[in-house]
Amino acid sequence: MEKYENEGEMVFEGVSNAKFNAYLKEIADVVGIDFNLTHHIARKTFASTVLLYNDVPMEIVSKLLGHNSMKITQDSYGKVVEKKISLEMERLKGT
């Protein structure tokens, strides 16, 4: 990293969406996932399963996903938050 610190904003060359999806297909084949794994599916899984289900605030999720507004994030992931609330209420009801 130190070698390239004065090269500009990006250190490594970007990967096209098509190439990224090809890499994901290879990974899916190796681990036995038998549906079409794409960048979009991976991104949504990261946002919902990894971030929101682990109590990362919606504002941070929005920033990490690069959304221009919170409304985009809320429209896309609001149901995940509702499901999380429902699960938490069920958990509380059981105590």
PDB file of N, CA and C in Angstrom:
ATOM      1  N   MET A   1       0.828  -1.188   0.000  1.00  0.00           N
ATOM      2  CA  MET A   1       0.000   0.000   0.000  1.00  0.00           C
ATOM      3  C   MET A   1       0.872   1.252   0.000  1.00  0.00           C
ATOM      4  N   GLU A   2       1.945   1.217   0.778  1.00  0.00           N
ATOM      5  CA  GLU A   2       2.813   2.392   0.837  1.00  0.00           C
ATOM      6  C   GLU A   2       3.399   2.705  -0.532  1.00  0.00           C
ATOM      7  N   LYS A   3       3.705   1.671  -1.310  1.00  0.00           N
ATOM      8  CA  LYS A   3       4.272   1.850  -2.643  1.00  0.00           C
ATOM      9  C   LYS A   3       3.345   2.664  -3.537  1.00  0.00           C
ATOM     10  N   TYR A   4       2.022   2.503  -3.357  1.00  0.00           N
ATOM     11  CA  TYR A   4       1.041   3.128  -4.234  1.00  0.00           C
ATOM     12  C   TYR A   4       0.283   4.295  -3.603  1.00  0.00           C
ATOM     13  N   GLU A   5       0.672   4.746  -2.419  1.00  0.00           N
ATOM     14  CA  GLU A   5      -0.106   5.747  -1.707  1.00  0.00           C
ATOM     15  C   GLU A   5      -0.244   7.077  -2.433  1.00  0.00           C
ATOM     16  N   ASN A   6       0.633   7.390  -3.339  1.00  0.00           N
ATOM     17  CA  ASN A   6       0.547   8.658  -4.067  1.00  0.00           C
ATOM     18  C   ASN A   6      -0.024   8.493  -5.473  1.00  0.00           C
ATOM     19  N   GLU A   7      -0.586   7.336  -5.763  1.00  0.00           N
ATOM     20  CA  GLU A   7      -1.086   7.040  -7.102  1.00  0.00           C
ATOM     21  C   GLU A   7      -2.492   7.566  -7.356  1.00  0.00           C
ATOM     22  N   GLY A   8      -3.171   8.055  -6.366  1.00  0.00           N
ATOM     23  CA  GLY A   8      -4.538   8.524  -6.549  1.00  0.00           C
ATOM     24  C   GLY A   8      -5.468   7.861  -5.562  1.00  0.00           C
ATOM     25  N   GLU A   9      -6.752   7.996  -5.815  1.00  0.00           N
ATOM     26  CA  GLU A   9      -7.764   7.512  -4.881  1.00  0.00           C
ATOM     27  C   GLU A   9      -7.818   5.984  -4.805  1.00  0.00           C
ATOM     28  N   MET A  10      -7.711   5.304  -5.945  1.00  0.00           N
ATOM     29  CA  MET A  10      -7.811   3.842  -5.949  1.00  0.00           C
ATOM     30  C   MET A  10      -6.427   3.221  -6.051  1.00  0.00           C
ATOM     31  N   VAL A  11      -6.203   2.198  -5.237  1.00  0.00           N
ATOM     32  CA  VAL A  11      -4.931   1.501  -5.257  1.00  0.00           C
ATOM     33  C   VAL A  11      -4.958   0.391  -6.301  1.00  0.00           C
ATOM     34  N   PHE A  12      -6.082  -0.345  -6.366  1.00  0.00           N
ATOM     35  CA  PHE A  12      -6.203  -1.462  -7.282  1.00  0.00           C
ATOM     36  C   PHE A  12      -7.195  -1.131  -8.388  1.00  0.00           C
ATOM     37  N   GLU A  13      -6.995  -1.761  -9.528  1.00  0.00           N
ATOM     38  CA  GLU A  13      -7.888  -1.567 -10.657  1.00  0.00           C
ATOM     39  C   GLU A  13      -9.273  -2.130 -10.310  1.00  0.00           C
ATOM     40  N   GLY A  14     -10.321  -1.457 -10.752  1.00  0.00           N
ATOM     41  CA  GLY A  14     -11.677  -1.921 -10.499  1.00  0.00           C
ATOM     42  C   GLY A  14     -11.999  -3.175 -11.299  1.00  0.00           C
ATOM     43  N   VAL A  15     -13.002  -3.902 -10.832  1.00  0.00           N
ATOM     44  CA  VAL A  15     -13.450  -5.117 -11.505  1.00  0.00           C
ATOM     45  C   VAL A  15     -14.841  -4.843 -12.064  1.00  0.00           C
ATOM     46  N   SER A  16     -15.071  -5.222 -13.303  1.00  0.00           N
ATOM     47  CA  SER A  16     -16.388  -5.008 -13.902  1.00  0.00           C
ATOM     48  C   SER A  16     -17.426  -5.884 -13.218  1.00  0.00           C
ATOM     49  N   ASN A  17     -18.679  -5.485 -13.318  1.00  0.00           N
ATOM     50  CA  ASN A  17     -19.775  -6.251 -12.739  1.00  0.00           C
ATOM     51  C   ASN A  17     -19.819  -7.657 -13.342  1.00  0.00           C
ATOM     52  N   ALA A  18     -19.606  -7.749 -14.644  1.00  0.00           N
ATOM     53  CA  ALA A  18     -19.633  -9.061 -15.315  1.00  0.00           C
ATOM     54  C   ALA A  18     -18.520  -9.968 -14.789  1.00  0.00           C
ATOM     55  N   LYS A  19     -17.327  -9.418 -14.611  1.00  0.00           N
ATOM     56  CA  LYS A  19     -16.205 -10.209 -14.107  1.00  0.00           C
ATOM     57  C   LYS A  19     -16.444 -10.618 -12.651  1.00  0.00           C
ATOM     58  N   PHE A  20     -16.990  -9.702 -11.863  1.00  0.00           N
ATOM     59  CA  PHE A  20     -17.315  -9.986 -10.464  1.00  0.00           C
ATOM     60  C   PHE A  20     -18.316 -11.147 -10.395  1.00  0.00           C
ATOM     61  N   ASN A  21     -19.352 -11.096 -11.252  1.00  0.00           N
ATOM     62  CA  ASN A  21     -20.346 -12.170 -11.288  1.00  0.00           C
ATOM     63  C   ASN A  21     -19.719 -13.489 -11.724  1.00  0.00           C
ATOM     64  N   ALA A  22     -18.753 -13.435 -12.635  1.00  0.00           N
ATOM     65  CA  ALA A  22     -18.058 -14.654 -13.067  1.00  0.00           C
ATOM     66  C   ALA A  22     -17.279 -15.256 -11.899  1.00  0.00           C
ATOM     67  N   TYR A  23     -16.615 -14.403 -11.112  1.00  0.00           N
ATOM     68  CA  TYR A  23     -15.906 -14.890  -9.924  1.00  0.00           C
ATOM     69  C   TYR A  23     -16.876 -15.525  -8.927  1.00  0.00           C
ATOM     70  N   LEU A  24     -18.010 -14.871  -8.714  1.00  0.00           N
ATOM     71  CA  LEU A  24     -19.010 -15.418  -7.790  1.00  0.00           C
ATOM     72  C   LEU A  24     -19.537 -16.762  -8.283  1.00  0.00           C
ATOM     73  N   LYS A  25     -19.719 -16.906  -9.593  1.00  0.00           N
ATOM     74  CA  LYS A  25     -20.181 -18.181 -10.157  1.00  0.00           C
ATOM     75  C   LYS A  25     -19.161 -19.283  -9.871  1.00  0.00           C
ATOM     76  N   GLU A  26     -17.881 -18.964 -10.034  1.00  0.00           N
ATOM     77  CA  GLU A  26     -16.832 -19.942  -9.734  1.00  0.00           C
ATOM     78  C   GLU A  26     -16.876 -20.356  -8.264  1.00  0.00           C
ATOM     79  N   ILE A  27     -17.017 -19.382  -7.384  1.00  0.00           N
ATOM     80  CA  ILE A  27     -17.082 -19.667  -5.947  1.00  0.00           C
ATOM     81  C   ILE A  27     -18.307 -20.514  -5.638  1.00  0.00           C
ATOM     82  N   ALA A  28     -19.453 -20.152  -6.225  1.00  0.00           N
ATOM     83  CA  ALA A  28     -20.689 -20.901  -5.999  1.00  0.00           C
ATOM     84  C   ALA A  28     -20.528 -22.350  -6.449  1.00  0.00           C
ATOM     85  N   ASP A  29     -19.883 -22.575  -7.592  1.00  0.00           N
ATOM     86  CA  ASP A  29     -19.653 -23.932  -8.083  1.00  0.00           C
ATOM     87  C   ASP A  29     -18.791 -24.732  -7.114  1.00  0.00           C
ATOM     88  N   VAL A  30     -17.746 -24.098  -6.585  1.00  0.00           N
ATOM     89  CA  VAL A  30     -16.821 -24.780  -5.672  1.00  0.00           C
ATOM     90  C   VAL A  30     -17.515 -25.177  -4.372  1.00  0.00           C
ATOM     91  N   VAL A  31     -18.353 -24.288  -3.829  1.00  0.00           N
ATOM     92  CA  VAL A  31     -18.981 -24.567  -2.533  1.00  0.00           C
ATOM     93  C   VAL A  31     -20.357 -25.221  -2.658  1.00  0.00           C
ATOM     94  N   GLY A  32     -20.810 -25.459  -3.891  1.00  0.00           N
ATOM     95  CA  GLY A  32     -22.053 -26.192  -4.086  1.00  0.00           C
ATOM     96  C   GLY A  32     -23.323 -25.366  -4.024  1.00  0.00           C
ATOM     97  N   ILE A  33     -23.227 -24.068  -4.274  1.00  0.00           N
ATOM     98  CA  ILE A  33     -24.431 -23.239  -4.347  1.00  0.00           C
ATOM     99  C   ILE A  33     -24.997 -23.408  -5.745  1.00  0.00           C
ATOM    100  N   ASP A  34     -26.257 -23.841  -5.833  1.00  0.00           N
ATOM    101  CA  ASP A  34     -26.808 -24.176  -7.147  1.00  0.00           C
ATOM    102  C   ASP A  34     -27.849 -23.179  -7.647  1.00  0.00           C
ATOM    103  N   PHE A  35     -27.700 -21.914  -7.292  1.00  0.00           N
ATOM    104  CA  PHE A  35     -28.518 -20.874  -7.917  1.00  0.00           C
ATOM    105  C   PHE A  35     -27.578 -19.776  -8.399  1.00  0.00           C
ATOM    106  N   ASN A  36     -28.089 -18.904  -9.228  1.00  0.00           N
ATOM    107  CA  ASN A  36     -27.262 -17.879  -9.860  1.00  0.00           C
ATOM    108  C   ASN A  36     -26.868 -16.802  -8.857  1.00  0.00           C
ATOM    109  N   LEU A  37     -25.685 -16.944  -8.295  1.00  0.00           N
ATOM    110  CA  LEU A  37     -25.168 -15.977  -7.339  1.00  0.00           C
ATOM    111  C   LEU A  37     -24.615 -14.782  -8.108  1.00  0.00           C
ATOM    112  N   THR A  38     -25.099 -13.584  -7.770  1.00  0.00           N
ATOM    113  CA  THR A  38     -24.663 -12.374  -8.467  1.00  0.00           C
ATOM    114  C   THR A  38     -24.191 -11.329  -7.465  1.00  0.00           C
ATOM    115  N   HIS A  39     -23.574 -10.292  -8.000  1.00  0.00           N
ATOM    116  CA  HIS A  39     -23.133  -9.171  -7.180  1.00  0.00           C
ATOM    117  C   HIS A  39     -24.319  -8.578  -6.423  1.00  0.00           C
ATOM    118  N   HIS A  40     -25.446  -8.459  -7.098  1.00  0.00           N
ATOM    119  CA  HIS A  40     -26.643  -7.875  -6.480  1.00  0.00           C
ATOM    120  C   HIS A  40     -27.119  -8.723  -5.299  1.00  0.00           C
ATOM    121  N   ILE A  41     -27.166 -10.029  -5.472  1.00  0.00           N
ATOM    122  CA  ILE A  41     -27.585 -10.927  -4.382  1.00  0.00           C
ATOM    123  C   ILE A  41     -26.586 -10.862  -3.228  1.00  0.00           C
ATOM    124  N   ALA A  42     -25.299 -10.847  -3.551  1.00  0.00           N
ATOM    125  CA  ALA A  42     -24.271 -10.777  -2.509  1.00  0.00           C
ATOM    126  C   ALA A  42     -24.372  -9.469  -1.727  1.00  0.00           C
ATOM    127  N   ARG A  43     -24.624  -8.389  -2.430  1.00  0.00           N
ATOM    128  CA  ARG A  43     -24.762  -7.075  -1.801  1.00  0.00           C
ATOM    129  C   ARG A  43     -25.971  -7.025  -0.870  1.00  0.00           C
ATOM    130  N   LYS A  44     -27.108  -7.553  -1.331  1.00  0.00           N
ATOM    131  CA  LYS A  44     -28.316  -7.564  -0.502  1.00  0.00           C
ATOM    132  C   LYS A  44     -28.138  -8.466   0.716  1.00  0.00           C
ATOM    133  N   THR A  45     -27.462  -9.593   0.534  1.00  0.00           N
ATOM    134  CA  THR A  45     -27.197 -10.502   1.657  1.00  0.00           C
ATOM    135  C   THR A  45     -26.300  -9.834   2.686  1.00  0.00           C
ATOM    136  N   PHE A  46     -25.270  -9.151   2.218  1.00  0.00           N
ATOM    137  CA  PHE A  46     -24.375  -8.429   3.122  1.00  0.00           C
ATOM    138  C   PHE A  46     -25.156  -7.389   3.925  1.00  0.00           C
ATOM    139  N   ALA A  47     -25.989  -6.615   3.239  1.00  0.00           N
ATOM    140  CA  ALA A  47     -26.745  -5.553   3.906  1.00  0.00           C
ATOM    141  C   ALA A  47     -27.729  -6.117   4.915  1.00  0.00           C
ATOM    142  N   SER A  48     -28.451  -7.146   4.531  1.00  0.00           N
ATOM    143  CA  SER A  48     -29.497  -7.652   5.416  1.00  0.00           C
ATOM    144  C   SER A  48     -28.946  -8.605   6.472  1.00  0.00           C
ATOM    145  N   THR A  49     -28.354  -9.691   6.054  1.00  0.00           N
ATOM    146  CA  THR A  49     -27.915 -10.730   6.991  1.00  0.00           C
ATOM    147  C   THR A  49     -26.733 -10.289   7.841  1.00  0.00           C
ATOM    148  N   VAL A  50     -25.751  -9.696   7.219  1.00  0.00           N
ATOM    149  CA  VAL A  50     -24.543  -9.346   7.962  1.00  0.00           C
ATOM    150  C   VAL A  50     -24.736  -8.066   8.766  1.00  0.00           C
ATOM    151  N   LEU A  51     -25.259  -7.036   8.138  1.00  0.00           N
ATOM    152  CA  LEU A  51     -25.336  -5.738   8.812  1.00  0.00           C
ATOM    153  C   LEU A  51     -26.593  -5.578   9.660  1.00  0.00           C
ATOM    154  N   LEU A  52     -27.757  -5.588   9.029  1.00  0.00           N
ATOM    155  CA  LEU A  52     -28.994  -5.274   9.762  1.00  0.00           C
ATOM    156  C   LEU A  52     -29.327  -6.307  10.830  1.00  0.00           C
ATOM    157  N   TYR A  53     -29.112  -7.582  10.550  1.00  0.00           N
ATOM    158  CA  TYR A  53     -29.399  -8.598  11.570  1.00  0.00           C
ATOM    159  C   TYR A  53     -28.381  -8.594  12.698  1.00  0.00           C
ATOM    160  N   ASN A  54     -27.314  -7.822  12.538  1.00  0.00           N
ATOM    161  CA  ASN A  54     -26.332  -7.656  13.609  1.00  0.00           C
ATOM    162  C   ASN A  54     -26.369  -6.249  14.181  1.00  0.00           C
ATOM    163  N   ASP A  55     -27.543  -5.613  14.047  1.00  0.00           N
ATOM    164  CA  ASP A  55     -27.841  -4.333  14.693  1.00  0.00           C
ATOM    165  C   ASP A  55     -26.988  -3.158  14.230  1.00  0.00           C
ATOM    166  N   VAL A  56     -26.476  -3.212  13.009  1.00  0.00           N
ATOM    167  CA  VAL A  56     -25.787  -2.047  12.450  1.00  0.00           C
ATOM    168  C   VAL A  56     -26.869  -1.046  12.052  1.00  0.00           C
ATOM    169  N   PRO A  57     -26.760   0.197  12.493  1.00  0.00           N
ATOM    170  CA  PRO A  57     -27.792   1.192  12.189  1.00  0.00           C
ATOM    171  C   PRO A  57     -27.994   1.396  10.687  1.00  0.00           C
ATOM    172  N   MET A  58     -29.243   1.656  10.313  1.00  0.00           N
ATOM    173  CA  MET A  58     -29.619   1.846   8.915  1.00  0.00           C
ATOM    174  C   MET A  58     -28.788   2.952   8.250  1.00  0.00           C
ATOM    175  N   GLU A  59     -28.442   3.990   9.001  1.00  0.00           N
ATOM    176  CA  GLU A  59     -27.636   5.079   8.439  1.00  0.00           C
ATOM    177  C   GLU A  59     -26.268   4.581   7.978  1.00  0.00           C
ATOM    178  N   ILE A  60     -25.684   3.694   8.754  1.00  0.00           N
ATOM    179  CA  ILE A  60     -24.372   3.144   8.402  1.00  0.00           C
ATOM    180  C   ILE A  60     -24.504   2.207   7.201  1.00  0.00           C
ATOM    181  N   VAL A  61     -25.553   1.389   7.195  1.00  0.00           N
ATOM    182  CA  VAL A  61     -25.810   0.505   6.055  1.00  0.00           C
ATOM    183  C   VAL A  61     -25.940   1.338   4.783  1.00  0.00           C
ATOM    184  N   SER A  62     -26.673   2.433   4.872  1.00  0.00           N
ATOM    185  CA  SER A  62     -26.873   3.318   3.729  1.00  0.00           C
ATOM    186  C   SER A  62     -25.541   3.843   3.202  1.00  0.00           C
ATOM    187  N   LYS A  63     -24.683   4.268   4.103  1.00  0.00           N
ATOM    188  CA  LYS A  63     -23.368   4.790   3.710  1.00  0.00           C
ATOM    189  C   LYS A  63     -22.509   3.693   3.077  1.00  0.00           C
ATOM    190  N   LEU A  64     -22.492   2.509   3.707  1.00  0.00           N
ATOM    191  CA  LEU A  64     -21.684   1.410   3.188  1.00  0.00           C
ATOM    192  C   LEU A  64     -22.127   0.976   1.799  1.00  0.00           C
ATOM    193  N   LEU A  65     -23.425   1.053   1.540  1.00  0.00           N
ATOM    194  CA  LEU A  65     -23.942   0.660   0.232  1.00  0.00           C
ATOM    195  C   LEU A  65     -23.810   1.771  -0.796  1.00  0.00           C
ATOM    196  N   GLY A  66     -23.449   2.970  -0.354  1.00  0.00           N
ATOM    197  CA  GLY A  66     -23.271   4.081  -1.270  1.00  0.00           C
ATOM    198  C   GLY A  66     -24.566   4.682  -1.765  1.00  0.00           C
ATOM    199  N   HIS A  67     -25.647   4.504  -1.011  1.00  0.00           N
ATOM    200  CA  HIS A  67     -26.921   5.090  -1.410  1.00  0.00           C
ATOM    201  C   HIS A  67     -26.865   6.606  -1.258  1.00  0.00           C
ATOM    202  N   ASN A  68     -27.549   7.292  -2.165  1.00  0.00           N
ATOM    203  CA  ASN A  68     -27.581   8.757  -2.118  1.00  0.00           C
ATOM    204  C   ASN A  68     -28.499   9.291  -1.037  1.00  0.00           C
ATOM    205  N   SER A  69     -29.460   8.485  -0.608  1.00  0.00           N
ATOM    206  CA  SER A  69     -30.380   8.937   0.435  1.00  0.00           C
ATOM    207  C   SER A  69     -30.800   7.765   1.308  1.00  0.00           C
ATOM    208  N   MET A  70     -31.194   8.084   2.512  1.00  0.00           N
ATOM    209  CA  MET A  70     -31.702   7.063   3.433  1.00  0.00           C
ATOM    210  C   MET A  70     -32.975   6.420   2.898  1.00  0.00           C
ATOM    211  N   LYS A  71     -33.754   7.165   2.134  1.00  0.00           N
ATOM    212  CA  LYS A  71     -35.015   6.643   1.602  1.00  0.00           C
ATOM    213  C   LYS A  71     -34.768   5.413   0.731  1.00  0.00           C
ATOM    214  N   ILE A  72     -33.717   5.434  -0.064  1.00  0.00           N
ATOM    215  CA  ILE A  72     -33.390   4.283  -0.906  1.00  0.00           C
ATOM    216  C   ILE A  72     -33.132   3.064  -0.033  1.00  0.00           C
ATOM    217  N   THR A  73     -32.357   3.243   1.018  1.00  0.00           N
ATOM    218  CA  THR A  73     -32.038   2.140   1.928  1.00  0.00           C
ATOM    219  C   THR A  73     -33.282   1.664   2.647  1.00  0.00           C
ATOM    220  N   GLN A  74     -34.081   2.589   3.141  1.00  0.00           N
ATOM    221  CA  GLN A  74     -35.297   2.218   3.862  1.00  0.00           C
ATOM    222  C   GLN A  74     -36.271   1.482   2.958  1.00  0.00           C
ATOM    223  N   ASP A  75     -36.413   1.938   1.716  1.00  0.00           N
ATOM    224  CA  ASP A  75     -37.308   1.262   0.777  1.00  0.00           C
ATOM    225  C   ASP A  75     -36.828  -0.155   0.475  1.00  0.00           C
ATOM    226  N   SER A  76     -35.522  -0.332   0.384  1.00  0.00           N
ATOM    227  CA  SER A  76     -34.955  -1.633   0.035  1.00  0.00           C
ATOM    228  C   SER A  76     -34.906  -2.600   1.209  1.00  0.00           C
ATOM    229  N   TYR A  77     -34.655  -2.090   2.405  1.00  0.00           N
ATOM    230  CA  TYR A  77     -34.377  -2.965   3.552  1.00  0.00           C
ATOM    231  C   TYR A  77     -35.326  -2.773   4.723  1.00  0.00           C
ATOM    232  N   GLY A  78     -36.374  -2.005   4.554  1.00  0.00           N
ATOM    233  CA  GLY A  78     -37.334  -1.774   5.628  1.00  0.00           C
ATOM    234  C   GLY A  78     -37.976  -3.054   6.132  1.00  0.00           C
ATOM    235  N   LYS A  79     -38.250  -3.988   5.224  1.00  0.00           N
ATOM    236  CA  LYS A  79     -38.867  -5.255   5.616  1.00  0.00           C
ATOM    237  C   LYS A  79     -37.936  -6.085   6.501  1.00  0.00           C
ATOM    238  N   VAL A  80     -36.636  -5.970   6.259  1.00  0.00           N
ATOM    239  CA  VAL A  80     -35.666  -6.678   7.098  1.00  0.00           C
ATOM    240  C   VAL A  80     -35.735  -6.142   8.521  1.00  0.00           C
ATOM    241  N   VAL A  81     -35.832  -4.833   8.660  1.00  0.00           N
ATOM    242  CA  VAL A  81     -35.921  -4.215   9.984  1.00  0.00           C
ATOM    243  C   VAL A  81     -37.216  -4.630  10.665  1.00  0.00           C
ATOM    244  N   GLU A  82     -38.327  -4.647   9.921  1.00  0.00           N
ATOM    245  CA  GLU A  82     -39.613  -5.088  10.484  1.00  0.00           C
ATOM    246  C   GLU A  82     -39.525  -6.532  10.971  1.00  0.00           C
ATOM    247  N   LYS A  83     -38.881  -7.395  10.197  1.00  0.00           N
ATOM    248  CA  LYS A  83     -38.713  -8.801  10.582  1.00  0.00           C
ATOM    249  C   LYS A  83     -37.862  -8.898  11.841  1.00  0.00           C
ATOM    250  N   LYS A  84     -36.822  -8.087  11.928  1.00  0.00           N
ATOM    251  CA  LYS A  84     -35.948  -8.083  13.107  1.00  0.00           C
ATOM    252  C   LYS A  84     -36.732  -7.650  14.348  1.00  0.00           C
ATOM    253  N   ILE A  85     -37.573  -6.649  14.203  1.00  0.00           N
ATOM    254  CA  ILE A  85     -38.416  -6.200  15.320  1.00  0.00           C
ATOM    255  C   ILE A  85     -39.328  -7.325  15.765  1.00  0.00           C
ATOM    256  N   SER A  86     -39.945  -7.994  14.802  1.00  0.00           N
ATOM    257  CA  SER A  86     -40.843  -9.106  15.113  1.00  0.00           C
ATOM    258  C   SER A  86     -40.106 -10.217  15.861  1.00  0.00           C
ATOM    259  N   LEU A  87     -38.923 -10.557  15.414  1.00  0.00           N
ATOM    260  CA  LEU A  87     -38.131 -11.592  16.089  1.00  0.00           C
ATOM    261  C   LEU A  87     -37.768 -11.185  17.516  1.00  0.00           C
ATOM    262  N   GLU A  88     -37.407  -9.921  17.691  1.00  0.00           N
ATOM    263  CA  GLU A  88     -37.051  -9.431  19.027  1.00  0.00           C
ATOM    264  C   GLU A  88     -38.261  -9.451  19.960  1.00  0.00           C
ATOM    265  N   MET A  89     -39.430  -9.103  19.451  1.00  0.00           N
ATOM    266  CA  MET A  89     -40.645  -9.129  20.271  1.00  0.00           C
ATOM    267  C   MET A  89     -40.978 -10.561  20.687  1.00  0.00           C
ATOM    268  N   GLU A  90     -40.808 -11.502  19.769  1.00  0.00           N
ATOM    269  CA  GLU A  90     -41.027 -12.917  20.090  1.00  0.00           C
ATOM    270  C   GLU A  90     -40.045 -13.390  21.157  1.00  0.00           C
ATOM    271  N   ARG A  91     -38.810 -12.943  21.036  1.00  0.00           N
ATOM    272  CA  ARG A  91     -37.795 -13.310  22.020  1.00  0.00           C
ATOM    273  C   ARG A  91     -38.167 -12.775  23.388  1.00  0.00           C
ATOM    274  N   LEU A  92     -38.609 -11.522  23.455  1.00  0.00           N
ATOM    275  CA  LEU A  92     -39.008 -10.908  24.719  1.00  0.00           C
ATOM    276  C   LEU A  92     -40.231 -11.599  25.310  1.00  0.00           C
ATOM    277  N   LYS A  93     -41.159 -11.990  24.444  1.00  0.00           N
ATOM    278  CA  LYS A  93     -42.378 -12.648  24.898  1.00  0.00           C
ATOM    279  C   LYS A  93     -42.055 -13.987  25.576  1.00  0.00           C
ATOM    280  N   GLY A  94     -40.973 -14.613  25.137  1.00  0.00           N
ATOM    281  CA  GLY A  94     -40.587 -15.906  25.697  1.00  0.00           C
ATOM    282  C   GLY A  94     -39.880 -15.831  27.029  1.00  0.00           C
ATOM    283  N   THR A  95     -39.537 -14.626  27.502  1.00  0.00           N
ATOM    284  CA  THR A  95     -38.808 -14.522  28.776  1.00  0.00           C
ATOM    285  C   THR A  95     -39.740 -14.347  29.936  1.00  0.00           C
TER     286      THR A  95
END
